[in-house]
């Protein structure tokens, strides 16, 4: 069993910043990658940023240069620093954990709302 807990969402004005945090916990699991996805109303869930245990990072084109993902491997925590936020960044942000456990390869958090509005 892997528990994934996100925090840090909220309401911010355009141009502002937010910091999202995701922590994974449980027993007998090794993490391959952690990442952030988002889903806006009436849209499909999409990748925002992802980082592997080896440090390989992938960003969506729409957030490159504005968002930064980082990871604390020892604490199974991933941080998403979001700067220069735009209204189109408004969505529910979900943390996804990919494990090396074949019986539980993926775990999702419950999501945290990010709203960018004046």
N, C-alpha and C. Protein backbone atom coordinates (compact mmCIF):
# COMPACT_ATOMS: atom_id res chain seq x y z
N UNK A 1 0.85 -1.19 0.00
CA UNK A 1 0.00 0.00 0.00
C UNK A 1 0.88 1.24 0.00
N UNK A 2 0.56 2.18 -0.89
CA UNK A 2 1.29 3.44 -0.97
C UNK A 2 0.29 4.57 -0.77
N UNK A 3 0.60 5.46 0.15
CA UNK A 3 -0.24 6.64 0.36
C UNK A 3 0.46 7.85 -0.27
N UNK A 4 -0.34 8.63 -0.99
CA UNK A 4 0.19 9.81 -1.67
C UNK A 4 -0.61 11.02 -1.20
N UNK A 5 0.06 12.00 -0.64
CA UNK A 5 -0.63 13.16 -0.08
C UNK A 5 -0.05 14.44 -0.68
N UNK A 6 -0.92 15.25 -1.27
CA UNK A 6 -0.50 16.53 -1.85
C UNK A 6 -0.89 17.67 -0.93
N UNK A 7 -0.18 18.78 -1.06
CA UNK A 7 -0.54 20.00 -0.34
C UNK A 7 0.00 21.19 -1.10
N UNK A 8 -0.57 22.38 -0.78
CA UNK A 8 -0.02 23.61 -1.32
C UNK A 8 -0.85 24.32 -2.37
N UNK A 9 -1.99 23.79 -2.74
CA UNK A 9 -2.82 24.48 -3.72
C UNK A 9 -3.47 25.72 -3.13
N UNK A 10 -4.19 26.45 -3.98
CA UNK A 10 -4.88 27.63 -3.50
C UNK A 10 -5.21 28.59 -4.62
N UNK A 11 -5.58 29.81 -4.23
CA UNK A 11 -5.94 30.87 -5.16
C UNK A 11 -4.79 31.88 -5.24
N UNK A 12 -4.41 32.22 -6.46
CA UNK A 12 -3.32 33.17 -6.66
C UNK A 12 -3.64 34.05 -7.86
N UNK A 13 -3.14 35.27 -7.84
CA UNK A 13 -3.35 36.18 -8.96
C UNK A 13 -2.42 35.83 -10.12
N UNK A 14 -2.81 36.18 -11.34
CA UNK A 14 -1.89 35.97 -12.48
C UNK A 14 -0.53 36.61 -12.22
N UNK A 15 0.51 35.86 -12.57
CA UNK A 15 1.87 36.32 -12.32
C UNK A 15 2.42 35.87 -10.99
N UNK A 16 1.57 35.33 -10.15
CA UNK A 16 1.99 34.89 -8.83
C UNK A 16 2.63 33.52 -8.84
N UNK A 17 2.94 33.04 -7.62
CA UNK A 17 3.62 31.76 -7.46
C UNK A 17 2.91 30.89 -6.43
N UNK A 18 3.06 29.59 -6.62
CA UNK A 18 2.59 28.60 -5.65
C UNK A 18 3.59 27.46 -5.60
N UNK A 19 3.61 26.79 -4.48
CA UNK A 19 4.51 25.65 -4.30
C UNK A 19 3.69 24.45 -3.87
N UNK A 20 3.71 23.39 -4.68
CA UNK A 20 2.99 22.17 -4.35
C UNK A 20 3.98 21.13 -3.83
N UNK A 21 3.51 20.38 -2.85
CA UNK A 21 4.33 19.33 -2.27
C UNK A 21 3.57 18.01 -2.31
N UNK A 22 4.29 16.93 -2.55
CA UNK A 22 3.70 15.59 -2.58
C UNK A 22 4.61 14.64 -1.81
N UNK A 23 4.01 13.91 -0.89
CA UNK A 23 4.77 12.94 -0.10
C UNK A 23 4.17 11.56 -0.26
N UNK A 24 5.01 10.58 -0.54
CA UNK A 24 4.59 9.18 -0.65
C UNK A 24 5.07 8.41 0.56
N UNK A 25 4.20 7.56 1.09
CA UNK A 25 4.58 6.76 2.25
C UNK A 25 3.94 5.39 2.14
N UNK A 26 4.44 4.47 2.93
CA UNK A 26 3.92 3.11 2.92
C UNK A 26 5.02 2.13 3.25
N UNK A 27 4.79 0.90 2.93
CA UNK A 27 5.78 -0.13 3.25
C UNK A 27 6.12 -0.93 2.00
N UNK A 28 7.36 -1.36 1.94
CA UNK A 28 7.82 -2.27 0.91
C UNK A 28 7.59 -1.76 -0.50
N UNK A 29 8.04 -0.53 -0.78
CA UNK A 29 7.95 -0.05 -2.14
C UNK A 29 9.18 0.77 -2.48
N UNK A 30 9.54 0.73 -3.74
CA UNK A 30 10.62 1.56 -4.26
C UNK A 30 10.04 2.41 -5.38
N UNK A 31 10.40 3.67 -5.37
CA UNK A 31 9.85 4.61 -6.34
C UNK A 31 10.75 4.70 -7.55
N UNK A 32 10.12 4.61 -8.73
CA UNK A 32 10.83 4.82 -9.98
C UNK A 32 10.73 6.28 -10.41
N UNK A 33 9.53 6.86 -10.26
CA UNK A 33 9.33 8.24 -10.69
C UNK A 33 8.18 8.86 -9.90
N UNK A 34 8.21 10.18 -9.78
CA UNK A 34 7.10 10.94 -9.21
C UNK A 34 6.82 12.10 -10.14
N UNK A 35 5.56 12.45 -10.23
CA UNK A 35 5.24 13.54 -11.15
C UNK A 35 3.94 14.21 -10.80
N UNK A 36 3.73 15.35 -11.47
CA UNK A 36 2.51 16.13 -11.31
C UNK A 36 1.73 16.13 -12.62
N UNK A 37 0.43 15.92 -12.49
CA UNK A 37 -0.49 15.99 -13.61
C UNK A 37 -1.58 16.97 -13.22
N UNK A 38 -2.29 17.48 -14.21
CA UNK A 38 -3.39 18.39 -13.90
C UNK A 38 -4.57 18.11 -14.81
N UNK A 39 -5.74 18.46 -14.30
CA UNK A 39 -6.96 18.27 -15.07
C UNK A 39 -7.86 19.47 -14.86
N UNK A 40 -8.14 20.17 -15.95
CA UNK A 40 -9.06 21.30 -15.94
C UNK A 40 -10.44 20.79 -16.31
N UNK A 41 -11.49 21.55 -15.98
CA UNK A 41 -12.85 21.10 -16.31
C UNK A 41 -13.01 20.79 -17.79
N UNK A 42 -13.61 19.66 -18.07
CA UNK A 42 -13.92 19.21 -19.43
C UNK A 42 -12.67 18.98 -20.27
N UNK A 43 -11.55 18.74 -19.61
CA UNK A 43 -10.32 18.44 -20.33
C UNK A 43 -9.71 17.16 -19.76
N UNK A 44 -8.86 16.52 -20.56
CA UNK A 44 -8.20 15.31 -20.11
C UNK A 44 -7.06 15.66 -19.15
N UNK A 45 -6.75 14.70 -18.30
CA UNK A 45 -5.62 14.88 -17.40
C UNK A 45 -4.34 14.88 -18.23
N UNK A 46 -3.43 15.80 -17.90
CA UNK A 46 -2.21 15.94 -18.67
C UNK A 46 -0.99 16.03 -17.77
N UNK A 47 0.14 15.60 -18.30
CA UNK A 47 1.40 15.69 -17.58
C UNK A 47 1.81 17.15 -17.44
N UNK A 48 2.26 17.52 -16.24
CA UNK A 48 2.85 18.83 -16.00
C UNK A 48 4.37 18.70 -15.91
N UNK A 49 4.83 17.84 -15.00
CA UNK A 49 6.26 17.63 -14.82
C UNK A 49 6.47 16.30 -14.13
N UNK A 50 7.61 15.68 -14.41
CA UNK A 50 7.89 14.35 -13.89
C UNK A 50 9.39 14.23 -13.65
N UNK A 51 9.76 13.53 -12.57
CA UNK A 51 11.17 13.32 -12.28
C UNK A 51 11.37 11.88 -11.85
N UNK A 52 12.41 11.24 -12.40
CA UNK A 52 12.70 9.85 -12.04
C UNK A 52 13.67 9.81 -10.85
N UNK A 53 13.83 8.63 -10.31
CA UNK A 53 14.75 8.46 -9.19
C UNK A 53 16.18 8.77 -9.60
N UNK A 54 16.46 8.66 -10.89
CA UNK A 54 17.79 8.99 -11.39
C UNK A 54 17.97 10.45 -11.72
N UNK A 55 16.90 11.22 -11.62
CA UNK A 55 17.00 12.65 -11.84
C UNK A 55 16.58 13.14 -13.21
N UNK A 56 16.10 12.24 -14.07
CA UNK A 56 15.63 12.68 -15.39
C UNK A 56 14.31 13.43 -15.24
N UNK A 57 14.22 14.59 -15.89
CA UNK A 57 13.05 15.47 -15.73
C UNK A 57 12.38 15.71 -17.08
N UNK A 58 11.06 15.69 -17.04
CA UNK A 58 10.25 16.01 -18.22
C UNK A 58 9.25 17.09 -17.83
N UNK A 59 9.12 18.11 -18.69
CA UNK A 59 8.14 19.17 -18.48
C UNK A 59 7.21 19.24 -19.68
N UNK A 60 5.95 19.61 -19.42
CA UNK A 60 5.07 19.97 -20.52
C UNK A 60 5.58 21.27 -21.14
N UNK A 61 5.40 21.40 -22.44
CA UNK A 61 5.88 22.62 -23.12
C UNK A 61 5.25 23.87 -22.53
N UNK A 62 4.01 23.76 -22.08
CA UNK A 62 3.28 24.93 -21.60
C UNK A 62 3.83 25.47 -20.28
N UNK A 63 4.64 24.69 -19.58
CA UNK A 63 5.14 25.16 -18.28
C UNK A 63 6.65 25.34 -18.25
N UNK A 64 7.32 25.00 -19.32
CA UNK A 64 8.77 25.13 -19.36
C UNK A 64 9.18 26.58 -19.11
N UNK A 65 10.19 26.74 -18.25
CA UNK A 65 10.67 28.08 -17.91
C UNK A 65 9.89 28.75 -16.79
N UNK A 66 8.76 28.18 -16.40
CA UNK A 66 7.94 28.76 -15.33
C UNK A 66 7.85 27.84 -14.12
N UNK A 67 7.79 26.53 -14.37
CA UNK A 67 7.65 25.55 -13.29
C UNK A 67 8.96 24.80 -13.11
N UNK A 68 9.23 24.42 -11.86
CA UNK A 68 10.42 23.63 -11.55
C UNK A 68 10.03 22.48 -10.64
N UNK A 69 10.42 21.27 -11.02
CA UNK A 69 10.16 20.10 -10.19
C UNK A 69 11.46 19.66 -9.54
N UNK A 70 11.36 19.27 -8.28
CA UNK A 70 12.53 18.77 -7.57
C UNK A 70 12.08 17.63 -6.64
N UNK A 71 13.05 16.84 -6.20
CA UNK A 71 12.69 15.66 -5.43
C UNK A 71 13.69 15.44 -4.29
N UNK A 72 13.17 15.03 -3.16
CA UNK A 72 13.99 14.62 -2.02
C UNK A 72 13.82 13.11 -1.90
N UNK A 73 14.76 12.37 -2.49
CA UNK A 73 14.62 10.92 -2.55
C UNK A 73 14.51 10.28 -1.17
N UNK A 74 15.29 10.78 -0.23
CA UNK A 74 15.30 10.16 1.10
C UNK A 74 13.94 10.25 1.78
N UNK A 75 13.17 11.27 1.42
CA UNK A 75 11.87 11.46 2.07
C UNK A 75 10.71 11.17 1.12
N UNK A 76 11.00 10.62 -0.07
CA UNK A 76 9.94 10.31 -1.05
C UNK A 76 9.01 11.49 -1.24
N UNK A 77 9.59 12.65 -1.42
CA UNK A 77 8.83 13.89 -1.57
C UNK A 77 9.21 14.56 -2.87
N UNK A 78 8.20 15.11 -3.56
CA UNK A 78 8.46 15.88 -4.76
C UNK A 78 7.80 17.24 -4.63
N UNK A 79 8.51 18.26 -5.09
CA UNK A 79 8.05 19.65 -4.99
C UNK A 79 7.85 20.21 -6.39
N UNK A 80 6.77 20.94 -6.59
CA UNK A 80 6.55 21.66 -7.84
C UNK A 80 6.47 23.15 -7.52
N UNK A 81 7.48 23.88 -7.91
CA UNK A 81 7.49 25.33 -7.75
C UNK A 81 6.91 25.95 -9.01
N UNK A 82 5.82 26.68 -8.87
CA UNK A 82 5.11 27.26 -10.01
C UNK A 82 5.21 28.77 -9.94
N UNK A 83 5.87 29.37 -10.92
CA UNK A 83 6.02 30.82 -11.00
C UNK A 83 5.32 31.35 -12.25
N UNK A 84 5.12 32.66 -12.27
CA UNK A 84 4.50 33.31 -13.42
C UNK A 84 3.21 32.59 -13.83
N UNK A 85 2.37 32.33 -12.86
CA UNK A 85 1.16 31.56 -13.12
C UNK A 85 0.20 32.33 -14.02
N UNK A 86 -0.51 31.56 -14.84
CA UNK A 86 -1.46 32.11 -15.79
C UNK A 86 -2.85 31.52 -15.50
N UNK A 87 -3.91 32.21 -15.93
CA UNK A 87 -5.25 31.65 -15.72
C UNK A 87 -5.41 30.25 -16.30
N UNK A 88 -4.73 29.97 -17.39
CA UNK A 88 -4.85 28.65 -18.01
C UNK A 88 -4.14 27.55 -17.21
N UNK A 89 -3.44 27.91 -16.17
CA UNK A 89 -2.86 26.91 -15.26
C UNK A 89 -3.89 26.42 -14.24
N UNK A 90 -5.05 27.04 -14.21
CA UNK A 90 -6.09 26.64 -13.28
C UNK A 90 -6.53 25.20 -13.55
N UNK A 91 -6.47 24.37 -12.51
CA UNK A 91 -6.82 22.95 -12.64
C UNK A 91 -6.68 22.29 -11.28
N UNK A 92 -7.13 21.04 -11.22
CA UNK A 92 -6.80 20.20 -10.08
C UNK A 92 -5.48 19.50 -10.41
N UNK A 93 -4.54 19.63 -9.50
CA UNK A 93 -3.21 19.05 -9.70
C UNK A 93 -3.10 17.76 -8.90
N UNK A 94 -2.66 16.70 -9.57
CA UNK A 94 -2.55 15.38 -8.96
C UNK A 94 -1.09 14.93 -8.96
N UNK A 95 -0.69 14.30 -7.89
CA UNK A 95 0.63 13.69 -7.81
C UNK A 95 0.51 12.21 -8.17
N UNK A 96 1.42 11.75 -9.00
CA UNK A 96 1.44 10.35 -9.41
C UNK A 96 2.78 9.74 -9.04
N UNK A 97 2.71 8.55 -8.48
CA UNK A 97 3.92 7.82 -8.09
C UNK A 97 4.01 6.53 -8.88
N UNK A 98 5.11 6.33 -9.56
CA UNK A 98 5.38 5.06 -10.24
C UNK A 98 6.34 4.25 -9.38
N UNK A 99 5.93 3.06 -9.01
CA UNK A 99 6.79 2.23 -8.17
C UNK A 99 7.38 1.07 -8.97
N UNK A 100 8.31 0.37 -8.32
CA UNK A 100 8.90 -0.83 -8.92
C UNK A 100 8.19 -2.08 -8.44
N UNK A 101 7.08 -1.89 -7.75
CA UNK A 101 6.30 -3.02 -7.23
C UNK A 101 5.29 -3.45 -8.30
N UNK A 102 5.43 -4.63 -8.87
CA UNK A 102 4.51 -5.03 -9.95
C UNK A 102 3.07 -5.18 -9.50
N UNK A 103 2.84 -5.37 -8.21
CA UNK A 103 1.46 -5.49 -7.74
C UNK A 103 0.82 -4.14 -7.50
N UNK A 104 1.61 -3.10 -7.47
CA UNK A 104 1.09 -1.74 -7.30
C UNK A 104 2.01 -0.77 -8.05
N UNK A 105 1.95 -0.77 -9.36
CA UNK A 105 2.89 0.03 -10.13
C UNK A 105 2.63 1.53 -10.10
N UNK A 106 1.37 1.92 -9.81
CA UNK A 106 1.00 3.33 -9.85
C UNK A 106 0.13 3.68 -8.65
N UNK A 107 0.37 4.85 -8.06
CA UNK A 107 -0.48 5.38 -7.01
C UNK A 107 -0.71 6.86 -7.26
N UNK A 108 -1.93 7.32 -7.01
CA UNK A 108 -2.30 8.72 -7.23
C UNK A 108 -2.70 9.37 -5.90
N UNK A 109 -2.45 10.67 -5.81
CA UNK A 109 -2.97 11.44 -4.71
C UNK A 109 -4.40 11.86 -4.99
N UNK A 110 -4.98 12.55 -4.01
CA UNK A 110 -6.39 12.93 -4.11
C UNK A 110 -6.59 14.21 -4.91
N UNK A 111 -5.51 14.94 -5.15
CA UNK A 111 -5.59 16.18 -5.93
C UNK A 111 -5.68 17.41 -5.07
N UNK A 112 -5.15 18.52 -5.60
CA UNK A 112 -5.23 19.80 -4.92
C UNK A 112 -5.57 20.87 -5.95
N UNK A 113 -6.51 21.75 -5.60
CA UNK A 113 -7.00 22.76 -6.54
C UNK A 113 -6.03 23.93 -6.62
N UNK A 114 -5.72 24.32 -7.85
CA UNK A 114 -4.96 25.54 -8.11
C UNK A 114 -5.83 26.45 -8.97
N UNK A 115 -6.07 27.66 -8.49
CA UNK A 115 -6.89 28.62 -9.22
C UNK A 115 -6.09 29.91 -9.41
N UNK A 116 -5.96 30.30 -10.67
CA UNK A 116 -5.23 31.53 -10.99
C UNK A 116 -6.25 32.53 -11.54
N UNK A 117 -6.51 33.56 -10.77
CA UNK A 117 -7.55 34.51 -11.14
C UNK A 117 -7.33 35.83 -10.42
N UNK A 118 -7.72 36.91 -11.11
CA UNK A 118 -7.64 38.22 -10.48
C UNK A 118 -8.97 38.58 -9.83
